[in-house]
Amino acid sequence: MDVMGAALGGMRDAQSRLDKTAERIAGAAAPTPDSVDLSTEMVGMLAARDQFQVNARVFQMADEMQKKVLDILA
């Protein structure tokens, strides 16, 4: 399994979740909001942010590990 590919996929998923949540929150300001629970949406945004950060850290760690392997082999 490609670690960087998995991390990138997780980052894309988090971005998608964040976009959808932002759209729902923006729709709450409409004249007839579709009963958007802002506290639930904020929790969703925080979860997406945390997911993005974790996957970014996995990406960084994979890069560091790859550099160490190349140093060992050199």
PDB file of N, CA and C in Angstrom:
ATOM      1  N   MET A   1       0.840  -1.182   0.000  1.00  0.00           N
ATOM      2  CA  MET A   1       0.000   0.000   0.000  1.00  0.00           C
ATOM      3  C   MET A   1       0.881   1.240   0.000  1.00  0.00           C
ATOM      4  N   ASP A   2       0.562   2.174  -0.848  1.00  0.00           N
ATOM      5  CA  ASP A   2       1.303   3.416  -0.945  1.00  0.00           C
ATOM      6  C   ASP A   2       0.837   4.367   0.163  1.00  0.00           C
ATOM      7  N   VAL A   3       1.705   4.628   1.125  1.00  0.00           N
ATOM      8  CA  VAL A   3       1.344   5.453   2.284  1.00  0.00           C
ATOM      9  C   VAL A   3       0.996   6.867   1.852  1.00  0.00           C
ATOM     10  N   MET A   4       1.801   7.426   0.967  1.00  0.00           N
ATOM     11  CA  MET A   4       1.535   8.798   0.522  1.00  0.00           C
ATOM     12  C   MET A   4       0.223   8.883  -0.256  1.00  0.00           C
ATOM     13  N   GLY A   5      -0.072   7.865  -1.027  1.00  0.00           N
ATOM     14  CA  GLY A   5      -1.337   7.834  -1.764  1.00  0.00           C
ATOM     15  C   GLY A   5      -2.527   7.758  -0.820  1.00  0.00           C
ATOM     16  N   ALA A   6      -2.392   6.958   0.225  1.00  0.00           N
ATOM     17  CA  ALA A   6      -3.463   6.842   1.208  1.00  0.00           C
ATOM     18  C   ALA A   6      -3.655   8.162   1.957  1.00  0.00           C
ATOM     19  N   ALA A   7      -2.554   8.814   2.312  1.00  0.00           N
ATOM     20  CA  ALA A   7      -2.647  10.100   3.006  1.00  0.00           C
ATOM     21  C   ALA A   7      -3.286  11.150   2.106  1.00  0.00           C
ATOM     22  N   LEU A   8      -2.907  11.167   0.849  1.00  0.00           N
ATOM     23  CA  LEU A   8      -3.478  12.121  -0.092  1.00  0.00           C
ATOM     24  C   LEU A   8      -4.971  11.862  -0.280  1.00  0.00           C
ATOM     25  N   GLY A   9      -5.348  10.600  -0.354  1.00  0.00           N
ATOM     26  CA  GLY A   9      -6.767  10.261  -0.454  1.00  0.00           C
ATOM     27  C   GLY A   9      -7.544  10.722   0.764  1.00  0.00           C
ATOM     28  N   GLY A  10      -6.946  10.561   1.936  1.00  0.00           N
ATOM     29  CA  GLY A  10      -7.589  11.033   3.160  1.00  0.00           C
ATOM     30  C   GLY A  10      -7.723  12.546   3.186  1.00  0.00           C
ATOM     31  N   MET A  11      -6.711  13.238   2.664  1.00  0.00           N
ATOM     32  CA  MET A  11      -6.776  14.700   2.607  1.00  0.00           C
ATOM     33  C   MET A  11      -7.871  15.156   1.642  1.00  0.00           C
ATOM     34  N   ARG A  12      -8.007  14.459   0.511  1.00  0.00           N
ATOM     35  CA  ARG A  12      -9.068  14.796  -0.440  1.00  0.00           C
ATOM     36  C   ARG A  12     -10.441  14.550   0.170  1.00  0.00           C
ATOM     37  N   ASP A  13     -10.587  13.450   0.899  1.00  0.00           N
ATOM     38  CA  ASP A  13     -11.853  13.140   1.566  1.00  0.00           C
ATOM     39  C   ASP A  13     -12.197  14.219   2.593  1.00  0.00           C
ATOM     40  N   ALA A  14     -11.202  14.637   3.366  1.00  0.00           N
ATOM     41  CA  ALA A  14     -11.435  15.684   4.363  1.00  0.00           C
ATOM     42  C   ALA A  14     -11.834  16.992   3.685  1.00  0.00           C
ATOM     43  N   GLN A  15     -11.199  17.323   2.575  1.00  0.00           N
ATOM     44  CA  GLN A  15     -11.541  18.547   1.845  1.00  0.00           C
ATOM     45  C   GLN A  15     -12.970  18.484   1.330  1.00  0.00           C
ATOM     46  N   SER A  16     -13.361  17.325   0.827  1.00  0.00           N
ATOM     47  CA  SER A  16     -14.723  17.149   0.331  1.00  0.00           C
ATOM     48  C   SER A  16     -15.740  17.317   1.461  1.00  0.00           C
ATOM     49  N   ARG A  17     -15.452  16.716   2.607  1.00  0.00           N
ATOM     50  CA  ARG A  17     -16.344  16.848   3.766  1.00  0.00           C
ATOM     51  C   ARG A  17     -16.444  18.296   4.212  1.00  0.00           C
ATOM     52  N   LEU A  18     -15.319  18.994   4.206  1.00  0.00           N
ATOM     53  CA  LEU A  18     -15.312  20.392   4.605  1.00  0.00           C
ATOM     54  C   LEU A  18     -16.126  21.239   3.629  1.00  0.00           C
ATOM     55  N   ASP A  19     -15.986  20.991   2.346  1.00  0.00           N
ATOM     56  CA  ASP A  19     -16.748  21.728   1.335  1.00  0.00           C
ATOM     57  C   ASP A  19     -18.250  21.519   1.510  1.00  0.00           C
ATOM     58  N   LYS A  20     -18.654  20.268   1.713  1.00  0.00           N
ATOM     59  CA  LYS A  20     -20.078  19.969   1.876  1.00  0.00           C
ATOM     60  C   LYS A  20     -20.637  20.627   3.133  1.00  0.00           C
ATOM     61  N   THR A  21     -19.868  20.596   4.217  1.00  0.00           N
ATOM     62  CA  THR A  21     -20.311  21.220   5.461  1.00  0.00           C
ATOM     63  C   THR A  21     -20.433  22.724   5.286  1.00  0.00           C
ATOM     64  N   ALA A  22     -19.472  23.332   4.611  1.00  0.00           N
ATOM     65  CA  ALA A  22     -19.515  24.778   4.375  1.00  0.00           C
ATOM     66  C   ALA A  22     -20.735  25.155   3.542  1.00  0.00           C
ATOM     67  N   GLU A  23     -21.075  24.332   2.562  1.00  0.00           N
ATOM     68  CA  GLU A  23     -22.268  24.593   1.751  1.00  0.00           C
ATOM     69  C   GLU A  23     -23.536  24.539   2.594  1.00  0.00           C
ATOM     70  N   ARG A  24     -23.611  23.559   3.495  1.00  0.00           N
ATOM     71  CA  ARG A  24     -24.791  23.448   4.358  1.00  0.00           C
ATOM     72  C   ARG A  24     -24.879  24.651   5.298  1.00  0.00           C
ATOM     73  N   ILE A  25     -23.751  25.093   5.828  1.00  0.00           N
ATOM     74  CA  ILE A  25     -23.754  26.253   6.731  1.00  0.00           C
ATOM     75  C   ILE A  25     -24.144  27.509   5.956  1.00  0.00           C
ATOM     76  N   ALA A  26     -23.625  27.670   4.746  1.00  0.00           N
ATOM     77  CA  ALA A  26     -23.980  28.827   3.933  1.00  0.00           C
ATOM     78  C   ALA A  26     -25.474  28.827   3.612  1.00  0.00           C
ATOM     79  N   GLY A  27     -26.029  27.649   3.428  1.00  0.00           N
ATOM     80  CA  GLY A  27     -27.459  27.543   3.161  1.00  0.00           C
ATOM     81  C   GLY A  27     -28.316  27.894   4.360  1.00  0.00           C
ATOM     82  N   ALA A  28     -27.742  27.860   5.555  1.00  0.00           N
ATOM     83  CA  ALA A  28     -28.492  28.191   6.765  1.00  0.00           C
ATOM     84  C   ALA A  28     -28.852  29.673   6.795  1.00  0.00           C
ATOM     85  N   ALA A  29     -28.109  30.514   6.078  1.00  0.00           N
ATOM     86  CA  ALA A  29     -28.379  31.949   6.054  1.00  0.00           C
ATOM     87  C   ALA A  29     -29.478  32.300   5.062  1.00  0.00           C
ATOM     88  N   ALA A  30     -29.929  31.351   4.281  1.00  0.00           N
ATOM     89  CA  ALA A  30     -30.987  31.594   3.296  1.00  0.00           C
ATOM     90  C   ALA A  30     -32.281  31.945   4.023  1.00  0.00           C
ATOM     91  N   PRO A  31     -33.200  32.618   3.325  1.00  0.00           N
ATOM     92  CA  PRO A  31     -34.468  33.011   3.963  1.00  0.00           C
ATOM     93  C   PRO A  31     -35.239  31.834   4.555  1.00  0.00           C
ATOM     94  N   THR A  32     -35.129  30.662   3.937  1.00  0.00           N
ATOM     95  CA  THR A  32     -35.807  29.474   4.476  1.00  0.00           C
ATOM     96  C   THR A  32     -34.773  28.367   4.683  1.00  0.00           C
ATOM     97  N   PRO A  33     -34.036  28.416   5.791  1.00  0.00           N
ATOM     98  CA  PRO A  33     -33.026  27.377   6.028  1.00  0.00           C
ATOM     99  C   PRO A  33     -33.674  26.010   6.202  1.00  0.00           C
ATOM    100  N   ASP A  34     -33.020  25.007   5.724  1.00  0.00           N
ATOM    101  CA  ASP A  34     -33.529  23.637   5.809  1.00  0.00           C
ATOM    102  C   ASP A  34     -33.113  23.003   7.123  1.00  0.00           C
ATOM    103  N   SER A  35     -33.470  23.616   8.214  1.00  0.00           N
ATOM    104  CA  SER A  35     -33.188  23.148   9.574  1.00  0.00           C
ATOM    105  C   SER A  35     -31.758  22.630   9.727  1.00  0.00           C
ATOM    106  N   VAL A  36     -30.799  23.522   9.518  1.00  0.00           N
ATOM    107  CA  VAL A  36     -29.388  23.192   9.659  1.00  0.00           C
ATOM    108  C   VAL A  36     -29.003  23.392  11.123  1.00  0.00           C
ATOM    109  N   ASP A  37     -28.462  22.347  11.730  1.00  0.00           N
ATOM    110  CA  ASP A  37     -27.991  22.437  13.112  1.00  0.00           C
ATOM    111  C   ASP A  37     -26.532  22.890  13.076  1.00  0.00           C
ATOM    112  N   LEU A  38     -26.306  24.157  13.414  1.00  0.00           N
ATOM    113  CA  LEU A  38     -24.969  24.722  13.299  1.00  0.00           C
ATOM    114  C   LEU A  38     -23.961  24.036  14.210  1.00  0.00           C
ATOM    115  N   SER A  39     -24.379  23.588  15.370  1.00  0.00           N
ATOM    116  CA  SER A  39     -23.431  22.914  16.263  1.00  0.00           C
ATOM    117  C   SER A  39     -22.964  21.588  15.662  1.00  0.00           C
ATOM    118  N   THR A  40     -23.872  20.863  15.037  1.00  0.00           N
ATOM    119  CA  THR A  40     -23.502  19.613  14.373  1.00  0.00           C
ATOM    120  C   THR A  40     -22.576  19.882  13.202  1.00  0.00           C
ATOM    121  N   GLU A  41     -22.874  20.934  12.446  1.00  0.00           N
ATOM    122  CA  GLU A  41     -22.037  21.272  11.298  1.00  0.00           C
ATOM    123  C   GLU A  41     -20.640  21.718  11.746  1.00  0.00           C
ATOM    124  N   MET A  42     -20.546  22.441  12.846  1.00  0.00           N
ATOM    125  CA  MET A  42     -19.236  22.850  13.362  1.00  0.00           C
ATOM    126  C   MET A  42     -18.417  21.637  13.798  1.00  0.00           C
ATOM    127  N   VAL A  43     -19.079  20.687  14.428  1.00  0.00           N
ATOM    128  CA  VAL A  43     -18.383  19.455  14.822  1.00  0.00           C
ATOM    129  C   VAL A  43     -17.868  18.744  13.572  1.00  0.00           C
ATOM    130  N   GLY A  44     -18.678  18.723  12.511  1.00  0.00           N
ATOM    131  CA  GLY A  44     -18.250  18.121  11.259  1.00  0.00           C
ATOM    132  C   GLY A  44     -17.051  18.845  10.662  1.00  0.00           C
ATOM    133  N   MET A  45     -17.053  20.168  10.742  1.00  0.00           N
ATOM    134  CA  MET A  45     -15.919  20.939  10.216  1.00  0.00           C
ATOM    135  C   MET A  45     -14.654  20.677  11.021  1.00  0.00           C
ATOM    136  N   LEU A  46     -14.791  20.604  12.330  1.00  0.00           N
ATOM    137  CA  LEU A  46     -13.626  20.323  13.185  1.00  0.00           C
ATOM    138  C   LEU A  46     -13.091  18.921  12.922  1.00  0.00           C
ATOM    139  N   ALA A  47     -13.986  17.973  12.713  1.00  0.00           N
ATOM    140  CA  ALA A  47     -13.551  16.604  12.413  1.00  0.00           C
ATOM    141  C   ALA A  47     -12.824  16.559  11.070  1.00  0.00           C
ATOM    142  N   ALA A  48     -13.332  17.286  10.084  1.00  0.00           N
ATOM    143  CA  ALA A  48     -12.676  17.325   8.778  1.00  0.00           C
ATOM    144  C   ALA A  48     -11.304  17.979   8.887  1.00  0.00           C
ATOM    145  N   ARG A  49     -11.215  19.041   9.689  1.00  0.00           N
ATOM    146  CA  ARG A  49      -9.923  19.710   9.892  1.00  0.00           C
ATOM    147  C   ARG A  49      -8.922  18.758  10.527  1.00  0.00           C
ATOM    148  N   ASP A  50      -9.361  18.048  11.558  1.00  0.00           N
ATOM    149  CA  ASP A  50      -8.477  17.107  12.235  1.00  0.00           C
ATOM    150  C   ASP A  50      -8.057  15.973  11.300  1.00  0.00           C
ATOM    151  N   GLN A  51      -8.989  15.482  10.495  1.00  0.00           N
ATOM    152  CA  GLN A  51      -8.666  14.418   9.536  1.00  0.00           C
ATOM    153  C   GLN A  51      -7.619  14.916   8.543  1.00  0.00           C
ATOM    154  N   PHE A  52      -7.782  16.146   8.067  1.00  0.00           N
ATOM    155  CA  PHE A  52      -6.821  16.714   7.121  1.00  0.00           C
ATOM    156  C   PHE A  52      -5.444  16.826   7.761  1.00  0.00           C
ATOM    157  N   GLN A  53      -5.394  17.331   9.001  1.00  0.00           N
ATOM    158  CA  GLN A  53      -4.121  17.500   9.694  1.00  0.00           C
ATOM    159  C   GLN A  53      -3.427  16.168   9.930  1.00  0.00           C
ATOM    160  N   VAL A  54      -4.167  15.162  10.321  1.00  0.00           N
ATOM    161  CA  VAL A  54      -3.580  13.841  10.569  1.00  0.00           C
ATOM    162  C   VAL A  54      -3.003  13.266   9.275  1.00  0.00           C
ATOM    163  N   ASN A  55      -3.753  13.385   8.195  1.00  0.00           N
ATOM    164  CA  ASN A  55      -3.256  12.862   6.919  1.00  0.00           C
ATOM    165  C   ASN A  55      -2.058  13.657   6.422  1.00  0.00           C
ATOM    166  N   ALA A  56      -2.035  14.959   6.678  1.00  0.00           N
ATOM    167  CA  ALA A  56      -0.865  15.760   6.312  1.00  0.00           C
ATOM    168  C   ALA A  56       0.355  15.303   7.101  1.00  0.00           C
ATOM    169  N   ARG A  57       0.162  14.969   8.361  1.00  0.00           N
ATOM    170  CA  ARG A  57       1.277  14.482   9.188  1.00  0.00           C
ATOM    171  C   ARG A  57       1.762  13.115   8.695  1.00  0.00           C
ATOM    172  N   VAL A  58       0.855  12.247   8.294  1.00  0.00           N
ATOM    173  CA  VAL A  58       1.243  10.953   7.732  1.00  0.00           C
ATOM    174  C   VAL A  58       2.071  11.174   6.473  1.00  0.00           C
ATOM    175  N   PHE A  59       1.648  12.113   5.654  1.00  0.00           N
ATOM    176  CA  PHE A  59       2.373  12.446   4.431  1.00  0.00           C
ATOM    177  C   PHE A  59       3.795  12.916   4.767  1.00  0.00           C
ATOM    178  N   GLN A  60       3.914  13.786   5.772  1.00  0.00           N
ATOM    179  CA  GLN A  60       5.224  14.290   6.188  1.00  0.00           C
ATOM    180  C   GLN A  60       6.107  13.166   6.725  1.00  0.00           C
ATOM    181  N   MET A  61       5.532  12.303   7.539  1.00  0.00           N
ATOM    182  CA  MET A  61       6.310  11.205   8.118  1.00  0.00           C
ATOM    183  C   MET A  61       6.783  10.242   7.032  1.00  0.00           C
ATOM    184  N   ALA A  62       5.923   9.962   6.058  1.00  0.00           N
ATOM    185  CA  ALA A  62       6.328   9.074   4.961  1.00  0.00           C
ATOM    186  C   ALA A  62       7.483   9.698   4.186  1.00  0.00           C
ATOM    187  N   ASP A  63       7.432  11.000   3.986  1.00  0.00           N
ATOM    188  CA  ASP A  63       8.513  11.692   3.286  1.00  0.00           C
ATOM    189  C   ASP A  63       9.813  11.600   4.083  1.00  0.00           C
ATOM    190  N   GLU A  64       9.725  11.819   5.390  1.00  0.00           N
ATOM    191  CA  GLU A  64      10.916  11.724   6.243  1.00  0.00           C
ATOM    192  C   GLU A  64      11.494  10.310   6.232  1.00  0.00           C
ATOM    193  N   MET A  65      10.629   9.310   6.299  1.00  0.00           N
ATOM    194  CA  MET A  65      11.096   7.926   6.282  1.00  0.00           C
ATOM    195  C   MET A  65      11.759   7.587   4.954  1.00  0.00           C
ATOM    196  N   GLN A  66      11.200   8.078   3.862  1.00  0.00           N
ATOM    197  CA  GLN A  66      11.777   7.822   2.548  1.00  0.00           C
ATOM    198  C   GLN A  66      13.166   8.463   2.447  1.00  0.00           C
ATOM    199  N   LYS A  67      13.314   9.657   2.991  1.00  0.00           N
ATOM    200  CA  LYS A  67      14.629  10.317   2.987  1.00  0.00           C
ATOM    201  C   LYS A  67      15.649   9.530   3.798  1.00  0.00           C
ATOM    202  N   LYS A  68      15.226   8.998   4.952  1.00  0.00           N
ATOM    203  CA  LYS A  68      16.138   8.214   5.789  1.00  0.00           C
ATOM    204  C   LYS A  68      16.566   6.931   5.077  1.00  0.00           C
ATOM    205  N   VAL A  69      15.646   6.292   4.397  1.00  0.00           N
ATOM    206  CA  VAL A  69      15.982   5.076   3.646  1.00  0.00           C
ATOM    207  C   VAL A  69      17.010   5.401   2.561  1.00  0.00           C
ATOM    208  N   LEU A  70      16.795   6.507   1.860  1.00  0.00           N
ATOM    209  CA  LEU A  70      17.746   6.906   0.816  1.00  0.00           C
ATOM    210  C   LEU A  70      19.104   7.234   1.401  1.00  0.00           C
ATOM    211  N   ASP A  71      19.122   7.862   2.580  1.00  0.00           N
ATOM    212  CA  ASP A  71      20.406   8.140   3.253  1.00  0.00           C
ATOM    213  C   ASP A  71      21.134   6.855   3.630  1.00  0.00           C
ATOM    214  N   ILE A  72      20.385   5.868   4.107  1.00  0.00           N
ATOM    215  CA  ILE A  72      20.980   4.589   4.504  1.00  0.00           C
ATOM    216  C   ILE A  72      21.550   3.867   3.284  1.00  0.00           C
ATOM    217  N   LEU A  73      20.815   3.914   2.181  1.00  0.00           N
ATOM    218  CA  LEU A  73      21.242   3.215   0.978  1.00  0.00           C
ATOM    219  C   LEU A  73      22.384   3.931   0.251  1.00  0.00           C
ATOM    220  N   ALA A  74      22.549   5.208   0.506  1.00  0.00           N
ATOM    221  CA  ALA A  74      23.586   5.988  -0.210  1.00  0.00           C
ATOM    222  C   ALA A  74      24.962   5.725   0.304  1.00  0.00           C
TER     223      ALA A  74
END
